[in-house]
Amino acid sequence: MCYTCGCKMPYEDHGDRRNIVEQALIDAGKTKEIKNEGRIKAKENMLELIREQQRRGELEEPRTNYAQEATKKA
């Protein structure tokens, strides 16, 4: 999908740049924050955060920071 609407076409923004498409994840994979590890790492990080929000029932209203608890566990 365009990662937004459910169409299952990852490169199609349907004429609306607000839809999340594959290129956004390709670009995110080139950031210094993930040490240029690529789109797979960007997708894995996104999926991990969304799963955490889902597990906590916070998809609609995510908290500002999930990293604090992860740091305490380490």
Protein backbone atom coordinates (compact mmCIF):
# COMPACT_ATOMS: atom_id res chain seq x y z
CA MET A 1 0.00 0.00 0.00
CA CYS A 2 1.10 3.56 -0.10
CA TYR A 3 1.65 2.74 3.58
CA THR A 4 -1.29 5.02 4.32
CA CYS A 5 -4.52 4.06 2.58
CA GLY A 6 -4.30 0.29 2.20
CA CYS A 7 -4.02 0.19 -1.60
CA LYS A 8 -0.92 -2.06 -1.42
CA MET A 9 0.96 0.10 -3.96
CA PRO A 10 4.08 1.30 -2.07
CA TYR A 11 5.19 3.83 -4.70
CA GLU A 12 1.78 5.47 -5.38
CA ASP A 13 0.98 8.69 -3.54
CA HIS A 14 -2.36 9.12 -5.33
CA GLY A 15 -1.48 12.74 -6.09
CA ASP A 16 -1.22 13.62 -2.38
CA ARG A 17 2.31 14.02 -1.02
CA ARG A 18 1.02 13.47 2.52
CA ASN A 19 0.65 9.75 1.81
CA ILE A 20 3.66 7.76 3.00
CA VAL A 21 5.38 6.03 0.08
CA GLU A 22 8.48 3.88 -0.38
CA GLN A 23 10.62 6.86 -1.33
CA ALA A 24 10.09 8.37 2.13
CA LEU A 25 11.50 5.19 3.67
CA ILE A 26 14.39 5.12 1.21
CA ASP A 27 15.20 8.71 2.20
CA ALA A 28 14.80 7.95 5.92
CA GLY A 29 17.31 5.13 5.53
CA LYS A 30 19.94 7.67 4.51
CA THR A 31 19.79 9.76 7.68
CA LYS A 32 22.58 10.14 10.20
CA GLU A 33 20.17 9.11 12.96
CA ILE A 34 20.20 5.51 11.75
CA LYS A 35 23.77 5.76 10.49
CA ASN A 36 22.76 5.43 6.84
CA GLU A 37 21.69 1.80 7.43
CA GLY A 38 19.09 1.90 4.66
CA ARG A 39 15.39 1.51 4.14
CA ILE A 40 15.19 -1.95 5.74
CA LYS A 41 16.44 -0.54 9.06
CA ALA A 42 14.07 2.43 8.73
CA LYS A 43 11.15 0.04 8.15
CA GLU A 44 12.18 -2.22 11.03
CA ASN A 45 12.40 0.76 13.39
CA MET A 46 9.00 2.06 12.26
CA LEU A 47 7.41 -1.36 12.63
CA GLU A 48 8.90 -1.82 16.11
CA LEU A 49 7.51 1.51 17.30
CA ILE A 50 4.06 0.89 15.80
CA ARG A 51 3.94 -2.57 17.39
CA GLU A 52 4.88 -1.07 20.76
CA GLN A 53 2.14 1.54 20.44
CA GLN A 54 -0.33 -1.16 19.43
CA ARG A 55 0.69 -3.42 22.34
CA ARG A 56 0.07 -0.56 24.76
CA GLY A 57 -3.20 0.50 23.10
CA GLU A 58 -1.69 3.85 22.17
CA LEU A 59 -2.01 3.93 18.37
CA GLU A 60 -4.46 6.83 18.49
CA GLU A 61 -2.59 8.81 21.15
CA PRO A 62 1.08 7.80 21.22
CA ARG A 63 3.22 9.07 24.02
CA THR A 64 6.03 11.48 23.25
CA ASN A 65 8.85 9.11 24.18
CA TYR A 66 9.10 5.33 24.28
CA ALA A 67 12.90 5.34 24.55
CA GLN A 68 13.10 6.02 28.28
CA GLU A 69 11.69 2.62 29.24
CA ALA A 70 13.87 0.85 26.67
CA THR A 71 16.92 2.48 28.26
CA LYS A 72 15.89 1.30 31.74
CA LYS A 73 15.59 -2.31 30.49
CA ALA A 74 19.08 -2.31 28.99
